[in-house]
Amino acid sequence: MIGNDAIGLGAIAAGSRFMSAYPITPASEIMEYMIANLPK
């Protein structure tokens, strides 16, 4: 995995249920990970 995926997974594991963000390199993959997984 990449570090951004680990950060996203860590946020979900921590109980985070909301992310607000604006796309920007090299942070966008965190947002993309959360878009794919947070609704679950």
PDB file of all heavy atoms in Angstrom:
ATOM      1  N   MET A   1       0.824  -1.203   0.000  1.00  0.00           N
ATOM      2  CA  MET A   1       0.000   0.000   0.000  1.00  0.00           C
ATOM      3  C   MET A   1       0.865   1.263   0.000  1.00  0.00           C
ATOM      4  O   MET A   1       2.059   1.219   0.313  1.00  0.00           O
ATOM      5  CB  MET A   1      -0.923   0.006   1.223  1.00  0.00           C
ATOM      6  CG  MET A   1      -0.186   0.029   2.546  1.00  0.00           C
ATOM      7  SD  MET A   1      -1.175  -0.533   3.973  1.00  0.00           S
ATOM      8  CE  MET A   1      -2.691   0.370   3.783  1.00  0.00           C
ATOM      9  N   ILE A   2       0.241   2.384  -0.359  1.00  0.00           N
ATOM     10  CA  ILE A   2       0.902   3.675  -0.248  1.00  0.00           C
ATOM     11  C   ILE A   2       0.546   4.288   1.102  1.00  0.00           C
ATOM     12  O   ILE A   2      -0.432   3.905   1.742  1.00  0.00           O
ATOM     13  CB  ILE A   2       0.518   4.627  -1.400  1.00  0.00           C
ATOM     14  CG1 ILE A   2      -0.980   4.933  -1.387  1.00  0.00           C
ATOM     15  CG2 ILE A   2       0.947   4.056  -2.742  1.00  0.00           C
ATOM     16  CD1 ILE A   2      -1.403   5.984  -2.410  1.00  0.00           C
ATOM     17  N   GLY A   3       1.341   5.263   1.518  1.00  0.00           N
ATOM     18  CA  GLY A   3       1.092   5.895   2.809  1.00  0.00           C
ATOM     19  C   GLY A   3      -0.276   6.540   2.898  1.00  0.00           C
ATOM     20  O   GLY A   3      -0.917   6.518   3.957  1.00  0.00           O
ATOM     21  N   ASN A   4      -0.763   7.127   1.809  1.00  0.00           N
ATOM     22  CA  ASN A   4      -2.076   7.769   1.835  1.00  0.00           C
ATOM     23  C   ASN A   4      -3.189   6.769   2.109  1.00  0.00           C
ATOM     24  O   ASN A   4      -4.170   7.096   2.779  1.00  0.00           O
ATOM     25  CB  ASN A   4      -2.333   8.493   0.503  1.00  0.00           C
ATOM     26  CG  ASN A   4      -1.636   9.836   0.438  1.00  0.00           C
ATOM     27  OD1 ASN A   4      -1.151  10.349   1.434  1.00  0.00           O
ATOM     28  ND2 ASN A   4      -1.577  10.415  -0.757  1.00  0.00           N
ATOM     29  N   ASP A   5      -3.071   5.543   1.582  1.00  0.00           N
ATOM     30  CA  ASP A   5      -4.063   4.511   1.881  1.00  0.00           C
ATOM     31  C   ASP A   5      -4.027   4.147   3.364  1.00  0.00           C
ATOM     32  O   ASP A   5      -5.073   3.942   3.995  1.00  0.00           O
ATOM     33  CB  ASP A   5      -3.802   3.256   1.041  1.00  0.00           C
ATOM     34  CG  ASP A   5      -4.158   3.455  -0.428  1.00  0.00           C
ATOM     35  OD1 ASP A   5      -4.860   4.434  -0.743  1.00  0.00           O
ATOM     36  OD2 ASP A   5      -3.728   2.635  -1.258  1.00  0.00           O
ATOM     37  N   ALA A   6      -2.827   4.057   3.917  1.00  0.00           N
ATOM     38  CA  ALA A   6      -2.683   3.728   5.339  1.00  0.00           C
ATOM     39  C   ALA A   6      -3.306   4.818   6.206  1.00  0.00           C
ATOM     40  O   ALA A   6      -3.939   4.528   7.230  1.00  0.00           O
ATOM     41  CB  ALA A   6      -1.211   3.541   5.684  1.00  0.00           C
ATOM     42  N   ILE A   7      -3.130   6.069   5.803  1.00  0.00           N
ATOM     43  CA  ILE A   7      -3.724   7.192   6.536  1.00  0.00           C
ATOM     44  C   ILE A   7      -5.244   7.112   6.475  1.00  0.00           C
ATOM     45  O   ILE A   7      -5.932   7.272   7.495  1.00  0.00           O
ATOM     46  CB  ILE A   7      -3.221   8.529   5.976  1.00  0.00           C
ATOM     47  CG1 ILE A   7      -1.735   8.716   6.319  1.00  0.00           C
ATOM     48  CG2 ILE A   7      -4.043   9.698   6.513  1.00  0.00           C
ATOM     49  CD1 ILE A   7      -1.068   9.871   5.593  1.00  0.00           C
ATOM     50  N   GLY A   8      -5.783   6.852   5.288  1.00  0.00           N
ATOM     51  CA  GLY A   8      -7.231   6.738   5.143  1.00  0.00           C
ATOM     52  C   GLY A   8      -7.802   5.607   5.970  1.00  0.00           C
ATOM     53  O   GLY A   8      -8.820   5.763   6.656  1.00  0.00           O
ATOM     54  N   LEU A   9      -7.151   4.451   5.923  1.00  0.00           N
ATOM     55  CA  LEU A   9      -7.610   3.308   6.707  1.00  0.00           C
ATOM     56  C   LEU A   9      -7.503   3.607   8.195  1.00  0.00           C
ATOM     57  O   LEU A   9      -8.380   3.234   8.983  1.00  0.00           O
ATOM     58  CB  LEU A   9      -6.794   2.068   6.346  1.00  0.00           C
ATOM     59  CG  LEU A   9      -7.184   0.756   7.033  1.00  0.00           C
ATOM     60  CD1 LEU A   9      -8.648   0.417   6.785  1.00  0.00           C
ATOM     61  CD2 LEU A   9      -6.278  -0.378   6.569  1.00  0.00           C
ATOM     62  N   GLY A  10      -6.436   4.303   8.589  1.00  0.00           N
ATOM     63  CA  GLY A  10      -6.282   4.676   9.990  1.00  0.00           C
ATOM     64  C   GLY A  10      -7.383   5.603  10.464  1.00  0.00           C
ATOM     65  O   GLY A  10      -7.869   5.481  11.594  1.00  0.00           O
ATOM     66  N   ALA A  11      -7.799   6.523   9.600  1.00  0.00           N
ATOM     67  CA  ALA A  11      -8.886   7.439   9.956  1.00  0.00           C
ATOM     68  C   ALA A  11     -10.197   6.689  10.171  1.00  0.00           C
ATOM     69  O   ALA A  11     -10.933   6.963  11.125  1.00  0.00           O
ATOM     70  CB  ALA A  11      -9.049   8.498   8.862  1.00  0.00           C
ATOM     71  N   ILE A  12     -10.479   5.728   9.287  1.00  0.00           N
ATOM     72  CA  ILE A  12     -11.703   4.943   9.442  1.00  0.00           C
ATOM     73  C   ILE A  12     -11.646   4.107  10.717  1.00  0.00           C
ATOM     74  O   ILE A  12     -12.610   4.026  11.482  1.00  0.00           O
ATOM     75  CB  ILE A  12     -11.924   4.049   8.206  1.00  0.00           C
ATOM     76  CG1 ILE A  12     -12.245   4.913   6.981  1.00  0.00           C
ATOM     77  CG2 ILE A  12     -13.047   3.043   8.456  1.00  0.00           C
ATOM     78  CD1 ILE A  12     -12.355   4.145   5.682  1.00  0.00           C
ATOM     79  N   ALA A  13     -10.495   3.483  10.964  1.00  0.00           N
ATOM     80  CA  ALA A  13     -10.334   2.676  12.172  1.00  0.00           C
ATOM     81  C   ALA A  13     -10.479   3.521  13.430  1.00  0.00           C
ATOM     82  O   ALA A  13     -10.934   3.027  14.473  1.00  0.00           O
ATOM     83  CB  ALA A  13      -8.969   1.985  12.159  1.00  0.00           C
ATOM     84  N   ALA A  14     -10.110   4.798  13.343  1.00  0.00           N
ATOM     85  CA  ALA A  14     -10.215   5.700  14.487  1.00  0.00           C
ATOM     86  C   ALA A  14     -11.650   6.149  14.741  1.00  0.00           C
ATOM     87  O   ALA A  14     -11.918   6.833  15.733  1.00  0.00           O
ATOM     88  CB  ALA A  14      -9.329   6.926  14.272  1.00  0.00           C
ATOM     89  N   GLY A  15     -12.572   5.802  13.853  1.00  0.00           N
ATOM     90  CA  GLY A  15     -13.955   6.186  14.019  1.00  0.00           C
ATOM     91  C   GLY A  15     -14.340   7.441  13.276  1.00  0.00           C
ATOM     92  O   GLY A  15     -15.435   7.973  13.473  1.00  0.00           O
ATOM     93  N   SER A  16     -13.465   7.941  12.398  1.00  0.00           N
ATOM     94  CA  SER A  16     -13.825   9.114  11.616  1.00  0.00           C
ATOM     95  C   SER A  16     -14.924   8.751  10.621  1.00  0.00           C
ATOM     96  O   SER A  16     -14.838   7.731   9.933  1.00  0.00           O
ATOM     97  CB  SER A  16     -12.616   9.656  10.860  1.00  0.00           C
ATOM     98  OG  SER A  16     -12.990  10.751  10.048  1.00  0.00           O
ATOM     99  N   ARG A  17     -15.927   9.591  10.549  1.00  0.00           N
ATOM    100  CA  ARG A  17     -17.034   9.355   9.630  1.00  0.00           C
ATOM    101  C   ARG A  17     -17.304  10.560   8.737  1.00  0.00           C
ATOM    102  O   ARG A  17     -18.334  10.628   8.073  1.00  0.00           O
ATOM    103  CB  ARG A  17     -18.304   8.995  10.421  1.00  0.00           C
ATOM    104  CG  ARG A  17     -18.196   7.667  11.180  1.00  0.00           C
ATOM    105  CD  ARG A  17     -17.992   6.495  10.234  1.00  0.00           C
ATOM    106  NE  ARG A  17     -17.854   5.221  10.919  1.00  0.00           N
ATOM    107  CZ  ARG A  17     -16.697   4.637  11.210  1.00  0.00           C
ATOM    108  NH1 ARG A  17     -15.551   5.249  10.895  1.00  0.00           N
ATOM    109  NH2 ARG A  17     -16.652   3.472  11.812  1.00  0.00           N
ATOM    110  N   PHE A  18     -16.373  11.514   8.718  1.00  0.00           N
ATOM    111  CA  PHE A  18     -16.553  12.682   7.865  1.00  0.00           C
ATOM    112  C   PHE A  18     -15.200  13.205   7.424  1.00  0.00           C
ATOM    113  O   PHE A  18     -14.288  13.368   8.236  1.00  0.00           O
ATOM    114  CB  PHE A  18     -17.319  13.786   8.594  1.00  0.00           C
ATOM    115  CG  PHE A  18     -17.539  15.023   7.766  1.00  0.00           C
ATOM    116  CD1 PHE A  18     -18.552  15.073   6.817  1.00  0.00           C
ATOM    117  CD2 PHE A  18     -16.720  16.139   7.916  1.00  0.00           C
ATOM    118  CE1 PHE A  18     -18.739  16.200   6.036  1.00  0.00           C
ATOM    119  CE2 PHE A  18     -16.912  17.276   7.145  1.00  0.00           C
ATOM    120  CZ  PHE A  18     -17.917  17.301   6.205  1.00  0.00           C
ATOM    121  N   MET A  19     -15.086  13.479   6.134  1.00  0.00           N
ATOM    122  CA  MET A  19     -13.908  14.136   5.595  1.00  0.00           C
ATOM    123  C   MET A  19     -14.338  15.245   4.652  1.00  0.00           C
ATOM    124  O   MET A  19     -15.202  15.053   3.787  1.00  0.00           O
ATOM    125  CB  MET A  19     -13.012  13.155   4.829  1.00  0.00           C
ATOM    126  CG  MET A  19     -11.767  13.825   4.247  1.00  0.00           C
ATOM    127  SD  MET A  19     -10.793  12.736   3.186  1.00  0.00           S
ATOM    128  CE  MET A  19      -9.342  13.779   2.908  1.00  0.00           C
ATOM    129  N   SER A  20     -13.760  16.416   4.836  1.00  0.00           N
ATOM    130  CA  SER A  20     -13.966  17.526   3.896  1.00  0.00           C
ATOM    131  C   SER A  20     -12.600  17.896   3.347  1.00  0.00           C
ATOM    132  O   SER A  20     -11.641  18.045   4.109  1.00  0.00           O
ATOM    133  CB  SER A  20     -14.602  18.717   4.612  1.00  0.00           C
ATOM    134  OG  SER A  20     -13.908  19.013   5.813  1.00  0.00           O
ATOM    135  N   ALA A  21     -12.505  18.023   2.033  1.00  0.00           N
ATOM    136  CA  ALA A  21     -11.195  18.270   1.440  1.00  0.00           C
ATOM    137  C   ALA A  21     -11.343  18.825   0.034  1.00  0.00           C
ATOM    138  O   ALA A  21     -12.400  18.730  -0.593  1.00  0.00           O
ATOM    139  CB  ALA A  21     -10.368  16.990   1.409  1.00  0.00           C
ATOM    140  N   TYR A  22     -10.247  19.400  -0.431  1.00  0.00           N
ATOM    141  CA  TYR A  22     -10.137  19.883  -1.803  1.00  0.00           C
ATOM    142  C   TYR A  22      -8.957  19.145  -2.438  1.00  0.00           C
ATOM    143  O   TYR A  22      -7.898  19.033  -1.814  1.00  0.00           O
ATOM    144  CB  TYR A  22      -9.894  21.396  -1.814  1.00  0.00           C
ATOM    145  CG  TYR A  22      -9.893  22.000  -3.194  1.00  0.00           C
ATOM    146  CD1 TYR A  22     -11.086  22.337  -3.825  1.00  0.00           C
ATOM    147  CD2 TYR A  22      -8.696  22.239  -3.873  1.00  0.00           C
ATOM    148  CE1 TYR A  22     -11.090  22.904  -5.096  1.00  0.00           C
ATOM    149  CE2 TYR A  22      -8.698  22.801  -5.137  1.00  0.00           C
ATOM    150  CZ  TYR A  22      -9.893  23.124  -5.748  1.00  0.00           C
ATOM    151  OH  TYR A  22      -9.903  23.673  -6.991  1.00  0.00           O
ATOM    152  N   PRO A  23      -9.102  18.618  -3.657  1.00  0.00           N
ATOM    153  CA  PRO A  23      -8.026  17.807  -4.250  1.00  0.00           C
ATOM    154  C   PRO A  23      -6.726  18.584  -4.421  1.00  0.00           C
ATOM    155  O   PRO A  23      -6.737  19.741  -4.855  1.00  0.00           O
ATOM    156  CB  PRO A  23      -8.602  17.409  -5.618  1.00  0.00           C
ATOM    157  CG  PRO A  23     -10.083  17.572  -5.485  1.00  0.00           C
ATOM    158  CD  PRO A  23     -10.281  18.703  -4.530  1.00  0.00           C
ATOM    159  N   ILE A  24      -5.617  17.949  -4.071  1.00  0.00           N
ATOM    160  CA  ILE A  24      -4.306  18.557  -4.246  1.00  0.00           C
ATOM    161  C   ILE A  24      -3.241  17.461  -4.149  1.00  0.00           C
ATOM    162  O   ILE A  24      -3.343  16.555  -3.328  1.00  0.00           O
ATOM    163  CB  ILE A  24      -4.044  19.663  -3.197  1.00  0.00           C
ATOM    164  CG1 ILE A  24      -2.714  20.383  -3.466  1.00  0.00           C
ATOM    165  CG2 ILE A  24      -4.089  19.101  -1.785  1.00  0.00           C
ATOM    166  CD1 ILE A  24      -2.496  21.619  -2.597  1.00  0.00           C
ATOM    167  N   THR A  25      -2.244  17.544  -5.011  1.00  0.00           N
ATOM    168  CA  THR A  25      -1.118  16.602  -4.965  1.00  0.00           C
ATOM    169  C   THR A  25      -0.209  16.983  -3.805  1.00  0.00           C
ATOM    170  O   THR A  25       0.075  18.154  -3.605  1.00  0.00           O
ATOM    171  CB  THR A  25      -0.323  16.686  -6.288  1.00  0.00           C
ATOM    172  OG1 THR A  25      -1.204  16.375  -7.369  1.00  0.00           O
ATOM    173  CG2 THR A  25       0.849  15.730  -6.296  1.00  0.00           C
ATOM    174  N   PRO A  26       0.274  16.010  -3.009  1.00  0.00           N
ATOM    175  CA  PRO A  26       0.068  14.558  -3.108  1.00  0.00           C
ATOM    176  C   PRO A  26      -0.906  14.011  -2.068  1.00  0.00           C
ATOM    177  O   PRO A  26      -0.710  12.915  -1.546  1.00  0.00           O
ATOM    178  CB  PRO A  26       1.480  14.037  -2.844  1.00  0.00           C
ATOM    179  CG  PRO A  26       2.034  15.012  -1.845  1.00  0.00           C
ATOM    180  CD  PRO A  26       1.399  16.341  -2.142  1.00  0.00           C
ATOM    181  N   ALA A  27      -1.969  14.782  -1.746  1.00  0.00           N
ATOM    182  CA  ALA A  27      -2.935  14.359  -0.726  1.00  0.00           C
ATOM    183  C   ALA A  27      -4.192  13.746  -1.313  1.00  0.00           C
ATOM    184  O   ALA A  27      -4.983  13.138  -0.580  1.00  0.00           O
ATOM    185  CB  ALA A  27      -3.321  15.548   0.151  1.00  0.00           C
ATOM    186  N   SER A  28      -4.404  13.882  -2.610  1.00  0.00           N
ATOM    187  CA  SER A  28      -5.694  13.515  -3.201  1.00  0.00           C
ATOM    188  C   SER A  28      -6.068  12.054  -2.985  1.00  0.00           C
ATOM    189  O   SER A  28      -7.257  11.713  -2.868  1.00  0.00           O
ATOM    190  CB  SER A  28      -5.685  13.822  -4.707  1.00  0.00           C
ATOM    191  OG  SER A  28      -5.550  15.209  -4.931  1.00  0.00           O
ATOM    192  N   GLU A  29      -5.054  11.184  -2.917  1.00  0.00           N
ATOM    193  CA  GLU A  29      -5.357   9.754  -2.758  1.00  0.00           C
ATOM    194  C   GLU A  29      -6.036   9.451  -1.430  1.00  0.00           C
ATOM    195  O   GLU A  29      -6.772   8.467  -1.314  1.00  0.00           O
ATOM    196  CB  GLU A  29      -4.075   8.919  -2.886  1.00  0.00           C
ATOM    197  CG  GLU A  29      -3.527   8.828  -4.300  1.00  0.00           C
ATOM    198  CD  GLU A  29      -2.801  10.102  -4.695  1.00  0.00           C
ATOM    199  OE1 GLU A  29      -2.541  10.944  -3.812  1.00  0.00           O
ATOM    200  OE2 GLU A  29      -2.507  10.256  -5.895  1.00  0.00           O
ATOM    201  N   ILE A  30      -5.801  10.277  -0.410  1.00  0.00           N
ATOM    202  CA  ILE A  30      -6.513  10.087   0.857  1.00  0.00           C
ATOM    203  C   ILE A  30      -7.995  10.318   0.640  1.00  0.00           C
ATOM    204  O   ILE A  30      -8.842   9.520   1.070  1.00  0.00           O
ATOM    205  CB  ILE A  30      -5.974  11.037   1.940  1.00  0.00           C
ATOM    206  CG1 ILE A  30      -4.479  10.801   2.176  1.00  0.00           C
ATOM    207  CG2 ILE A  30      -6.755  10.863   3.245  1.00  0.00           C
ATOM    208  CD1 ILE A  30      -3.838  11.804   3.107  1.00  0.00           C
ATOM    209  N   MET A  31      -8.307  11.398  -0.032  1.00  0.00           N
ATOM    210  CA  MET A  31      -9.702  11.721  -0.328  1.00  0.00           C
ATOM    211  C   MET A  31     -10.339  10.640  -1.198  1.00  0.00           C
ATOM    212  O   MET A  31     -11.484  10.207  -0.958  1.00  0.00           O
ATOM    213  CB  MET A  31      -9.770  13.080  -1.017  1.00  0.00           C
ATOM    214  CG  MET A  31     -11.168  13.618  -1.238  1.00  0.00           C
ATOM    215  SD  MET A  31     -11.098  15.238  -2.042  1.00  0.00           S
ATOM    216  CE  MET A  31     -12.833  15.638  -2.108  1.00  0.00           C
ATOM    217  N   GLU A  32      -9.586  10.174  -2.205  1.00  0.00           N
ATOM    218  CA  GLU A  32     -10.115   9.133  -3.086  1.00  0.00           C
ATOM    219  C   GLU A  32     -10.366   7.829  -2.324  1.00  0.00           C
ATOM    220  O   GLU A  32     -11.368   7.137  -2.557  1.00  0.00           O
ATOM    221  CB  GLU A  32      -9.136   8.894  -4.239  1.00  0.00           C
ATOM    222  CG  GLU A  32      -9.057  10.074  -5.201  1.00  0.00           C
ATOM    223  CD  GLU A  32      -7.878   9.981  -6.153  1.00  0.00           C
ATOM    224  OE1 GLU A  32      -7.160   8.955  -6.119  1.00  0.00           O
ATOM    225  OE2 GLU A  32      -7.657  10.931  -6.927  1.00  0.00           O
ATOM    226  N   TYR A  33      -9.458   7.505  -1.399  1.00  0.00           N
ATOM    227  CA  TYR A  33      -9.634   6.306  -0.578  1.00  0.00           C
ATOM    228  C   TYR A  33     -10.890   6.437   0.281  1.00  0.00           C
ATOM    229  O   TYR A  33     -11.673   5.482   0.405  1.00  0.00           O
ATOM    230  CB  TYR A  33      -8.405   6.101   0.307  1.00  0.00           C
ATOM    231  CG  TYR A  33      -8.469   4.855   1.159  1.00  0.00           C
ATOM    232  CD1 TYR A  33      -7.929   3.654   0.710  1.00  0.00           C
ATOM    233  CD2 TYR A  33      -9.073   4.872   2.408  1.00  0.00           C
ATOM    234  CE1 TYR A  33      -7.998   2.505   1.480  1.00  0.00           C
ATOM    235  CE2 TYR A  33      -9.153   3.726   3.195  1.00  0.00           C
ATOM    236  CZ  TYR A  33      -8.599   2.545   2.719  1.00  0.00           C
ATOM    237  OH  TYR A  33      -8.690   1.409   3.480  1.00  0.00           O
ATOM    238  N   MET A  34     -11.079   7.614   0.871  1.00  0.00           N
ATOM    239  CA  MET A  34     -12.241   7.813   1.734  1.00  0.00           C
ATOM    240  C   MET A  34     -13.541   7.821   0.933  1.00  0.00           C
ATOM    241  O   MET A  34     -14.570   7.309   1.400  1.00  0.00           O
ATOM    242  CB  MET A  34     -12.092   9.120   2.512  1.00  0.00           C
ATOM    243  CG  MET A  34     -10.864   9.184   3.409  1.00  0.00           C
ATOM    244  SD  MET A  34     -10.761   7.869   4.636  1.00  0.00           S
ATOM    245  CE  MET A  34     -11.882   8.487   5.878  1.00  0.00           C
ATOM    246  N   ILE A  35     -13.522   8.372  -0.285  1.00  0.00           N
ATOM    247  CA  ILE A  35     -14.716   8.349  -1.135  1.00  0.00           C
ATOM    248  C   ILE A  35     -15.125   6.913  -1.437  1.00  0.00           C
ATOM    249  O   ILE A  35     -16.313   6.569  -1.441  1.00  0.00           O
ATOM    250  CB  ILE A  35     -14.466   9.133  -2.444  1.00  0.00           C
ATOM    251  CG1 ILE A  35     -14.393  10.642  -2.153  1.00  0.00           C
ATOM    252  CG2 ILE A  35     -15.541   8.844  -3.488  1.00  0.00           C
ATOM    253  CD1 ILE A  35     -13.929  11.474  -3.338  1.00  0.00           C
ATOM    254  N   ALA A  36     -14.135   6.054  -1.656  1.00  0.00           N
ATOM    255  CA  ALA A  36     -14.422   4.661  -1.979  1.00  0.00           C
ATOM    256  C   ALA A  36     -14.844   3.850  -0.763  1.00  0.00           C
ATOM    257  O   ALA A  36     -15.616   2.884  -0.901  1.00  0.00           O
ATOM    258  CB  ALA A  36     -13.187   4.017  -2.618  1.00  0.00           C
ATOM    259  N   ASN A  37     -14.377   4.235   0.423  1.00  0.00           N
ATOM    260  CA  ASN A  37     -14.569   3.362   1.579  1.00  0.00           C
ATOM    261  C   ASN A  37     -15.408   3.934   2.720  1.00  0.00           C
ATOM    262  O   ASN A  37     -16.016   3.172   3.468  1.00  0.00           O
ATOM    263  CB  ASN A  37     -13.201   2.952   2.135  1.00  0.00           C
ATOM    264  CG  ASN A  37     -12.444   2.052   1.177  1.00  0.00           C
ATOM    265  OD1 ASN A  37     -12.767   0.886   1.008  1.00  0.00           O
ATOM    266  ND2 ASN A  37     -11.421   2.613   0.530  1.00  0.00           N
ATOM    267  N   LEU A  38     -15.431   5.258   2.879  1.00  0.00           N
ATOM    268  CA  LEU A  38     -16.161   5.826   4.008  1.00  0.00           C
ATOM    269  C   LEU A  38     -17.665   5.547   3.956  1.00  0.00           C
ATOM    270  O   LEU A  38     -18.281   5.277   5.004  1.00  0.00           O
ATOM    271  CB  LEU A  38     -15.891   7.325   4.111  1.00  0.00           C
ATOM    272  CG  LEU A  38     -16.137   7.985   5.470  1.00  0.00           C
ATOM    273  CD1 LEU A  38     -15.396   7.267   6.578  1.00  0.00           C
ATOM    274  CD2 LEU A  38     -15.753   9.460   5.442  1.00  0.00           C
ATOM    275  N   PRO A  39     -18.312   5.568   2.770  1.00  0.00           N
ATOM    276  CA  PRO A  39     -19.745   5.238   2.739  1.00  0.00           C
ATOM    277  C   PRO A  39     -20.057   3.823   3.232  1.00  0.00           C
ATOM    278  O   PRO A  39     -21.181   3.552   3.679  1.00  0.00           O
ATOM    279  CB  PRO A  39     -20.102   5.396   1.250  1.00  0.00           C
ATOM    280  CG  PRO A  39     -19.099   6.378   0.729  1.00  0.00           C
ATOM    281  CD  PRO A  39     -17.836   6.055   1.457  1.00  0.00           C
ATOM    282  N   LYS A  40     -19.075   2.922   3.183  1.00  0.00           N
ATOM    283  CA  LYS A  40     -19.290   1.549   3.654  1.00  0.00           C
ATOM    284  C   LYS A  40     -19.550   1.497   5.159  1.00  0.00           C
ATOM    285  O   LYS A  40     -20.114   0.523   5.663  1.00  0.00           O
ATOM    286  CB  LYS A  40     -18.075   0.676   3.319  1.00  0.00           C
ATOM    287  CG  LYS A  40     -17.789   0.546   1.833  1.00  0.00           C
ATOM    288  CD  LYS A  40     -16.503  -0.240   1.578  1.00  0.00           C
ATOM    289  CE  LYS A  40     -16.150  -0.293   0.110  1.00  0.00           C
ATOM    290  NZ  LYS A  40     -14.857  -1.000  -0.136  1.00  0.00           N
TER     291      LYS A  40
END
